[in-house]
PDB file of all heavy atoms in Angstrom:
ATOM      1  N   THR A   1      11.347  10.700  -1.450  1.00  0.00           N
ATOM      2  CA  THR A   1      11.074   9.960  -0.216  1.00  0.00           C
ATOM      3  C   THR A   1       9.733  10.355   0.416  1.00  0.00           C
ATOM      4  O   THR A   1       9.100   9.547   1.098  1.00  0.00           O
ATOM      5  CB  THR A   1      12.210  10.163   0.800  1.00  0.00           C
ATOM      6  OG1 THR A   1      12.413  11.570   1.003  1.00  0.00           O
ATOM      7  CG2 THR A   1      13.503   9.548   0.295  1.00  0.00           C
ATOM      8  N   ALA A   2       9.301  11.599   0.199  1.00  0.00           N
ATOM      9  CA  ALA A   2       8.015  12.026   0.762  1.00  0.00           C
ATOM     10  C   ALA A   2       6.868  11.268   0.091  1.00  0.00           C
ATOM     11  O   ALA A   2       5.928  10.819   0.768  1.00  0.00           O
ATOM     12  CB  ALA A   2       7.836  13.532   0.577  1.00  0.00           C
ATOM     13  N   LEU A   3       6.941  11.110  -1.237  1.00  0.00           N
ATOM     14  CA  LEU A   3       5.913  10.348  -1.936  1.00  0.00           C
ATOM     15  C   LEU A   3       5.938   8.880  -1.516  1.00  0.00           C
ATOM     16  O   LEU A   3       4.892   8.244  -1.373  1.00  0.00           O
ATOM     17  CB  LEU A   3       6.102  10.453  -3.448  1.00  0.00           C
ATOM     18  CG  LEU A   3       5.613  11.725  -4.151  1.00  0.00           C
ATOM     19  CD1 LEU A   3       5.806  11.592  -5.660  1.00  0.00           C
ATOM     20  CD2 LEU A   3       4.161  12.015  -3.827  1.00  0.00           C
ATOM     21  N   ILE A   4       7.147   8.344  -1.343  1.00  0.00           N
ATOM     22  CA  ILE A   4       7.265   6.943  -0.906  1.00  0.00           C
ATOM     23  C   ILE A   4       6.633   6.764   0.463  1.00  0.00           C
ATOM     24  O   ILE A   4       5.846   5.828   0.689  1.00  0.00           O
ATOM     25  CB  ILE A   4       8.741   6.509  -0.884  1.00  0.00           C
ATOM     26  CG1 ILE A   4       9.292   6.431  -2.323  1.00  0.00           C
ATOM     27  CG2 ILE A   4       8.897   5.158  -0.176  1.00  0.00           C
ATOM     28  CD1 ILE A   4      10.783   6.182  -2.396  1.00  0.00           C
ATOM     29  N   ALA A   5       6.933   7.665   1.396  1.00  0.00           N
ATOM     30  CA  ALA A   5       6.373   7.562   2.741  1.00  0.00           C
ATOM     31  C   ALA A   5       4.851   7.658   2.708  1.00  0.00           C
ATOM     32  O   ALA A   5       4.149   6.902   3.399  1.00  0.00           O
ATOM     33  CB  ALA A   5       6.963   8.662   3.625  1.00  0.00           C
ATOM     34  N   GLU A   6       4.331   8.572   1.893  1.00  0.00           N
ATOM     35  CA  GLU A   6       2.880   8.712   1.789  1.00  0.00           C
ATOM     36  C   GLU A   6       2.255   7.449   1.203  1.00  0.00           C
ATOM     37  O   GLU A   6       1.228   6.953   1.691  1.00  0.00           O
ATOM     38  CB  GLU A   6       2.524   9.920   0.930  1.00  0.00           C
ATOM     39  CG  GLU A   6       1.025  10.149   0.831  1.00  0.00           C
ATOM     40  CD  GLU A   6       0.649  11.280  -0.113  1.00  0.00           C
ATOM     41  OE1 GLU A   6       1.558  11.839  -0.780  1.00  0.00           O
ATOM     42  OE2 GLU A   6      -0.556  11.595  -0.207  1.00  0.00           O
ATOM     43  N   GLY A   7       2.878   6.926   0.141  1.00  0.00           N
ATOM     44  CA  GLY A   7       2.354   5.723  -0.494  1.00  0.00           C
ATOM     45  C   GLY A   7       2.350   4.536   0.451  1.00  0.00           C
ATOM     46  O   GLY A   7       1.373   3.775   0.514  1.00  0.00           O
ATOM     47  N   VAL A   8       3.416   4.367   1.219  1.00  0.00           N
ATOM     48  CA  VAL A   8       3.506   3.242   2.158  1.00  0.00           C
ATOM     49  C   VAL A   8       2.457   3.376   3.258  1.00  0.00           C
ATOM     50  O   VAL A   8       1.806   2.392   3.642  1.00  0.00           O
ATOM     51  CB  VAL A   8       4.924   3.156   2.763  1.00  0.00           C
ATOM     52  CG1 VAL A   8       4.958   2.186   3.930  1.00  0.00           C
ATOM     53  CG2 VAL A   8       5.932   2.730   1.695  1.00  0.00           C
ATOM     54  N   GLU A   9       2.270   4.583   3.773  1.00  0.00           N
ATOM     55  CA  GLU A   9       1.275   4.805   4.833  1.00  0.00           C
ATOM     56  C   GLU A   9      -0.134   4.478   4.341  1.00  0.00           C
ATOM     57  O   GLU A   9      -0.908   3.802   5.029  1.00  0.00           O
ATOM     58  CB  GLU A   9       1.344   6.256   5.312  1.00  0.00           C
ATOM     59  CG  GLU A   9       0.372   6.572   6.434  1.00  0.00           C
ATOM     60  CD  GLU A   9       0.450   8.024   6.894  1.00  0.00           C
ATOM     61  OE1 GLU A   9       1.267   8.786   6.330  1.00  0.00           O
ATOM     62  OE2 GLU A   9      -0.324   8.393   7.806  1.00  0.00           O
ATOM     63  N   ILE A  10      -0.470   4.932   3.135  1.00  0.00           N
ATOM     64  CA  ILE A  10      -1.791   4.651   2.558  1.00  0.00           C
ATOM     65  C   ILE A  10      -1.955   3.153   2.338  1.00  0.00           C
ATOM     66  O   ILE A  10      -3.016   2.577   2.623  1.00  0.00           O
ATOM     67  CB  ILE A  10      -1.970   5.435   1.242  1.00  0.00           C
ATOM     68  CG1 ILE A  10      -2.051   6.939   1.526  1.00  0.00           C
ATOM     69  CG2 ILE A  10      -3.210   4.962   0.486  1.00  0.00           C
ATOM     70  CD1 ILE A  10      -2.007   7.803   0.281  1.00  0.00           C
ATOM     71  N   LEU A  11      -0.907   2.501   1.839  1.00  0.00           N
ATOM     72  CA  LEU A  11      -0.971   1.065   1.583  1.00  0.00           C
ATOM     73  C   LEU A  11      -1.164   0.272   2.867  1.00  0.00           C
ATOM     74  O   LEU A  11      -1.988  -0.653   2.919  1.00  0.00           O
ATOM     75  CB  LEU A  11       0.310   0.607   0.870  1.00  0.00           C
ATOM     76  CG  LEU A  11       0.459  -0.900   0.683  1.00  0.00           C
ATOM     77  CD1 LEU A  11      -0.646  -1.445  -0.215  1.00  0.00           C
ATOM     78  CD2 LEU A  11       1.837  -1.234   0.112  1.00  0.00           C
ATOM     79  N   GLN A  12      -0.410   0.610   3.897  1.00  0.00           N
ATOM     80  CA  GLN A  12      -0.514  -0.133   5.159  1.00  0.00           C
ATOM     81  C   GLN A  12      -1.926  -0.046   5.738  1.00  0.00           C
ATOM     82  O   GLN A  12      -2.463  -1.039   6.249  1.00  0.00           O
ATOM     83  CB  GLN A  12       0.518   0.400   6.158  1.00  0.00           C
ATOM     84  CG  GLN A  12       1.950   0.013   5.812  1.00  0.00           C
ATOM     85  CD  GLN A  12       2.971   0.654   6.736  1.00  0.00           C
ATOM     86  OE1 GLN A  12       2.697   1.673   7.374  1.00  0.00           O
ATOM     87  NE2 GLN A  12       4.163   0.074   6.802  1.00  0.00           N
ATOM     88  N   ALA A  13      -2.543   1.124   5.653  1.00  0.00           N
ATOM     89  CA  ALA A  13      -3.908   1.282   6.156  1.00  0.00           C
ATOM     90  C   ALA A  13      -4.887   0.436   5.350  1.00  0.00           C
ATOM     91  O   ALA A  13      -5.827  -0.152   5.901  1.00  0.00           O
ATOM     92  CB  ALA A  13      -4.311   2.756   6.114  1.00  0.00           C
ATOM     93  N   ALA A  14      -4.650   0.358   4.023  1.00  0.00           N
ATOM     94  CA  ALA A  14      -5.537  -0.444   3.169  1.00  0.00           C
ATOM     95  C   ALA A  14      -5.371  -1.928   3.467  1.00  0.00           C
ATOM     96  O   ALA A  14      -6.355  -2.665   3.580  1.00  0.00           O
ATOM     97  CB  ALA A  14      -5.236  -0.158   1.697  1.00  0.00           C
ATOM     98  N   LEU A  15      -4.128  -2.403   3.589  1.00  0.00           N
ATOM     99  CA  LEU A  15      -3.887  -3.815   3.854  1.00  0.00           C
ATOM    100  C   LEU A  15      -4.454  -4.239   5.197  1.00  0.00           C
ATOM    101  O   LEU A  15      -4.877  -5.393   5.367  1.00  0.00           O
ATOM    102  CB  LEU A  15      -2.381  -4.108   3.803  1.00  0.00           C
ATOM    103  CG  LEU A  15      -1.709  -3.996   2.429  1.00  0.00           C
ATOM    104  CD1 LEU A  15      -0.200  -4.183   2.561  1.00  0.00           C
ATOM    105  CD2 LEU A  15      -2.288  -5.019   1.456  1.00  0.00           C
ATOM    106  N   ALA A  16      -4.483  -3.311   6.150  1.00  0.00           N
ATOM    107  CA  ALA A  16      -4.993  -3.639   7.489  1.00  0.00           C
ATOM    108  C   ALA A  16      -6.485  -3.985   7.464  1.00  0.00           C
ATOM    109  O   ALA A  16      -6.991  -4.616   8.396  1.00  0.00           O
ATOM    110  CB  ALA A  16      -4.749  -2.463   8.436  1.00  0.00           C
ATOM    111  N   ARG A  17      -7.173  -3.608   6.388  1.00  0.00           N
ATOM    112  CA  ARG A  17      -8.608  -3.889   6.291  1.00  0.00           C
ATOM    113  C   ARG A  17      -8.868  -5.283   5.752  1.00  0.00           C
ATOM    114  O   ARG A  17     -10.007  -5.726   5.683  1.00  0.00           O
ATOM    115  CB  ARG A  17      -9.287  -2.826   5.422  1.00  0.00           C
ATOM    116  CG  ARG A  17      -9.088  -1.408   5.981  1.00  0.00           C
ATOM    117  CD  ARG A  17      -9.854  -0.390   5.200  1.00  0.00           C
ATOM    118  NE  ARG A  17     -11.290  -0.636   5.302  1.00  0.00           N
ATOM    119  CZ  ARG A  17     -12.197  -0.021   4.547  1.00  0.00           C
ATOM    120  NH1 ARG A  17     -11.793   0.852   3.631  1.00  0.00           N
ATOM    121  NH2 ARG A  17     -13.474  -0.293   4.680  1.00  0.00           N
ATOM    122  N   ASP A  18      -7.810  -5.998   5.362  1.00  0.00           N
ATOM    123  CA  ASP A  18      -7.893  -7.417   4.988  1.00  0.00           C
ATOM    124  C   ASP A  18      -8.888  -7.678   3.854  1.00  0.00           C
ATOM    125  O   ASP A  18      -9.658  -8.630   3.894  1.00  0.00           O
ATOM    126  CB  ASP A  18      -8.260  -8.255   6.216  1.00  0.00           C
ATOM    127  CG  ASP A  18      -7.917  -9.733   6.017  1.00  0.00           C
ATOM    128  OD1 ASP A  18      -7.039 -10.019   5.174  1.00  0.00           O
ATOM    129  OD2 ASP A  18      -8.526 -10.590   6.682  1.00  0.00           O
ATOM    130  N   ARG A  19      -8.864  -6.812   2.829  1.00  0.00           N
ATOM    131  CA  ARG A  19      -9.655  -7.020   1.613  1.00  0.00           C
ATOM    132  C   ARG A  19      -8.721  -6.821   0.422  1.00  0.00           C
ATOM    133  O   ARG A  19      -8.804  -5.852  -0.304  1.00  0.00           O
ATOM    134  CB  ARG A  19     -10.843  -6.050   1.564  1.00  0.00           C
ATOM    135  CG  ARG A  19     -11.955  -6.373   2.557  1.00  0.00           C
ATOM    136  CD  ARG A  19     -12.978  -5.263   2.648  1.00  0.00           C
ATOM    137  NE  ARG A  19     -13.490  -4.884   1.338  1.00  0.00           N
ATOM    138  CZ  ARG A  19     -14.171  -3.750   1.104  1.00  0.00           C
ATOM    139  NH1 ARG A  19     -14.380  -2.898   2.105  1.00  0.00           N
ATOM    140  NH2 ARG A  19     -14.620  -3.472  -0.093  1.00  0.00           N
ATOM    141  N   LEU A  20      -7.815  -7.770   0.263  1.00  0.00           N
ATOM    142  CA  LEU A  20      -6.746  -7.623  -0.712  1.00  0.00           C
ATOM    143  C   LEU A  20      -7.289  -7.609  -2.137  1.00  0.00           C
ATOM    144  O   LEU A  20      -8.171  -8.388  -2.499  1.00  0.00           O
ATOM    145  CB  LEU A  20      -5.748  -8.781  -0.567  1.00  0.00           C
ATOM    146  CG  LEU A  20      -4.498  -8.705  -1.451  1.00  0.00           C
ATOM    147  CD1 LEU A  20      -3.649  -7.494  -1.074  1.00  0.00           C
ATOM    148  CD2 LEU A  20      -3.688  -9.983  -1.332  1.00  0.00           C
ATOM    149  N   GLY A  21      -6.737  -6.695  -2.950  1.00  0.00           N
ATOM    150  CA  GLY A  21      -7.049  -6.617  -4.364  1.00  0.00           C
ATOM    151  C   GLY A  21      -5.774  -6.442  -5.159  1.00  0.00           C
ATOM    152  O   GLY A  21      -4.686  -6.286  -4.586  1.00  0.00           O
ATOM    153  N   GLU A  22      -5.902  -6.441  -6.481  1.00  0.00           N
ATOM    154  CA  GLU A  22      -4.698  -6.438  -7.313  1.00  0.00           C
ATOM    155  C   GLU A  22      -3.876  -5.166  -7.169  1.00  0.00           C
ATOM    156  O   GLU A  22      -2.638  -5.218  -7.221  1.00  0.00           O
ATOM    157  CB  GLU A  22      -5.062  -6.657  -8.786  1.00  0.00           C
ATOM    158  CG  GLU A  22      -5.893  -5.580  -9.435  1.00  0.00           C
ATOM    159  CD  GLU A  22      -6.052  -5.821 -10.933  1.00  0.00           C
ATOM    160  OE1 GLU A  22      -5.047  -5.753 -11.662  1.00  0.00           O
ATOM    161  OE2 GLU A  22      -7.192  -6.058 -11.372  1.00  0.00           O
ATOM    162  N   TYR A  23      -4.520  -4.009  -6.974  1.00  0.00           N
ATOM    163  CA  TYR A  23      -3.738  -2.776  -6.861  1.00  0.00           C
ATOM    164  C   TYR A  23      -2.976  -2.734  -5.546  1.00  0.00           C
ATOM    165  O   TYR A  23      -1.833  -2.239  -5.498  1.00  0.00           O
ATOM    166  CB  TYR A  23      -4.655  -1.558  -6.998  1.00  0.00           C
ATOM    167  CG  TYR A  23      -5.362  -1.502  -8.328  1.00  0.00           C
ATOM    168  CD1 TYR A  23      -6.750  -1.490  -8.402  1.00  0.00           C
ATOM    169  CD2 TYR A  23      -4.642  -1.499  -9.517  1.00  0.00           C
ATOM    170  CE1 TYR A  23      -7.403  -1.461  -9.633  1.00  0.00           C
ATOM    171  CE2 TYR A  23      -5.288  -1.470 -10.746  1.00  0.00           C
ATOM    172  CZ  TYR A  23      -6.666  -1.452 -10.798  1.00  0.00           C
ATOM    173  OH  TYR A  23      -7.312  -1.440 -12.010  1.00  0.00           O
ATOM    174  N   GLN A  24      -3.567  -3.256  -4.476  1.00  0.00           N
ATOM    175  CA  GLN A  24      -2.840  -3.333  -3.204  1.00  0.00           C
ATOM    176  C   GLN A  24      -1.634  -4.262  -3.322  1.00  0.00           C
ATOM    177  O   GLN A  24      -0.548  -3.960  -2.809  1.00  0.00           O
ATOM    178  CB  GLN A  24      -3.770  -3.826  -2.100  1.00  0.00           C
ATOM    179  CG  GLN A  24      -4.922  -2.887  -1.771  1.00  0.00           C
ATOM    180  CD  GLN A  24      -5.936  -3.549  -0.866  1.00  0.00           C
ATOM    181  OE1 GLN A  24      -5.681  -3.757   0.313  1.00  0.00           O
ATOM    182  NE2 GLN A  24      -7.093  -3.901  -1.414  1.00  0.00           N
ATOM    183  N   ALA A  25      -1.809  -5.402  -3.995  1.00  0.00           N
ATOM    184  CA  ALA A  25      -0.694  -6.339  -4.158  1.00  0.00           C
ATOM    185  C   ALA A  25       0.416  -5.717  -4.998  1.00  0.00           C
ATOM    186  O   ALA A  25       1.608  -5.853  -4.682  1.00  0.00           O
ATOM    187  CB  ALA A  25      -1.193  -7.639  -4.800  1.00  0.00           C
ATOM    188  N   GLN A  26       0.043  -5.023  -6.080  1.00  0.00           N
ATOM    189  CA  GLN A  26       1.065  -4.358  -6.897  1.00  0.00           C
ATOM    190  C   GLN A  26       1.780  -3.274  -6.092  1.00  0.00           C
ATOM    191  O   GLN A  26       3.000  -3.093  -6.225  1.00  0.00           O
ATOM    192  CB  GLN A  26       0.417  -3.734  -8.132  1.00  0.00           C
ATOM    193  CG  GLN A  26      -0.023  -4.732  -9.184  1.00  0.00           C
ATOM    194  CD  GLN A  26      -0.469  -4.033 -10.451  1.00  0.00           C
ATOM    195  OE1 GLN A  26       0.287  -3.297 -11.072  1.00  0.00           O
ATOM    196  NE2 GLN A  26      -1.706  -4.264 -10.850  1.00  0.00           N
ATOM    197  N   ALA A  27       1.021  -2.536  -5.289  1.00  0.00           N
ATOM    198  CA  ALA A  27       1.633  -1.487  -4.466  1.00  0.00           C
ATOM    199  C   ALA A  27       2.586  -2.089  -3.436  1.00  0.00           C
ATOM    200  O   ALA A  27       3.635  -1.500  -3.132  1.00  0.00           O
ATOM    201  CB  ALA A  27       0.545  -0.669  -3.775  1.00  0.00           C
ATOM    202  N   ALA A  28       2.244  -3.259  -2.895  1.00  0.00           N
ATOM    203  CA  ALA A  28       3.133  -3.913  -1.927  1.00  0.00           C
ATOM    204  C   ALA A  28       4.466  -4.265  -2.577  1.00  0.00           C
ATOM    205  O   ALA A  28       5.538  -4.122  -1.970  1.00  0.00           O
ATOM    206  CB  ALA A  28       2.460  -5.161  -1.365  1.00  0.00           C
ATOM    207  N   ILE A  29       4.429  -4.726  -3.827  1.00  0.00           N
ATOM    208  CA  ILE A  29       5.657  -5.034  -4.558  1.00  0.00           C
ATOM    209  C   ILE A  29       6.463  -3.763  -4.783  1.00  0.00           C
ATOM    210  O   ILE A  29       7.686  -3.732  -4.576  1.00  0.00           O
ATOM    211  CB  ILE A  29       5.319  -5.725  -5.897  1.00  0.00           C
ATOM    212  CG1 ILE A  29       4.707  -7.107  -5.635  1.00  0.00           C
ATOM    213  CG2 ILE A  29       6.556  -5.840  -6.780  1.00  0.00           C
ATOM    214  CD1 ILE A  29       4.084  -7.744  -6.859  1.00  0.00           C
ATOM    215  N   ALA A  30       5.775  -2.690  -5.203  1.00  0.00           N
ATOM    216  CA  ALA A  30       6.465  -1.414  -5.425  1.00  0.00           C
ATOM    217  C   ALA A  30       7.075  -0.888  -4.130  1.00  0.00           C
ATOM    218  O   ALA A  30       8.170  -0.307  -4.141  1.00  0.00           O
ATOM    219  CB  ALA A  30       5.488  -0.395  -6.006  1.00  0.00           C
ATOM    220  N   ALA A  31       6.391  -1.098  -2.997  1.00  0.00           N
ATOM    221  CA  ALA A  31       6.913  -0.630  -1.705  1.00  0.00           C
ATOM    222  C   ALA A  31       8.191  -1.375  -1.324  1.00  0.00           C
ATOM    223  O   ALA A  31       9.115  -0.782  -0.756  1.00  0.00           O
ATOM    224  CB  ALA A  31       5.848  -0.811  -0.623  1.00  0.00           C
TER     225      ALA A  31
END
């Protein structure tokens, strides 16, 4: 759960910059 929380936090900050790429989209699915 610690890795999941870290991954979600990093992803949310990246998505907030509104420059979507394939790794962000894949991470959103994994989240």
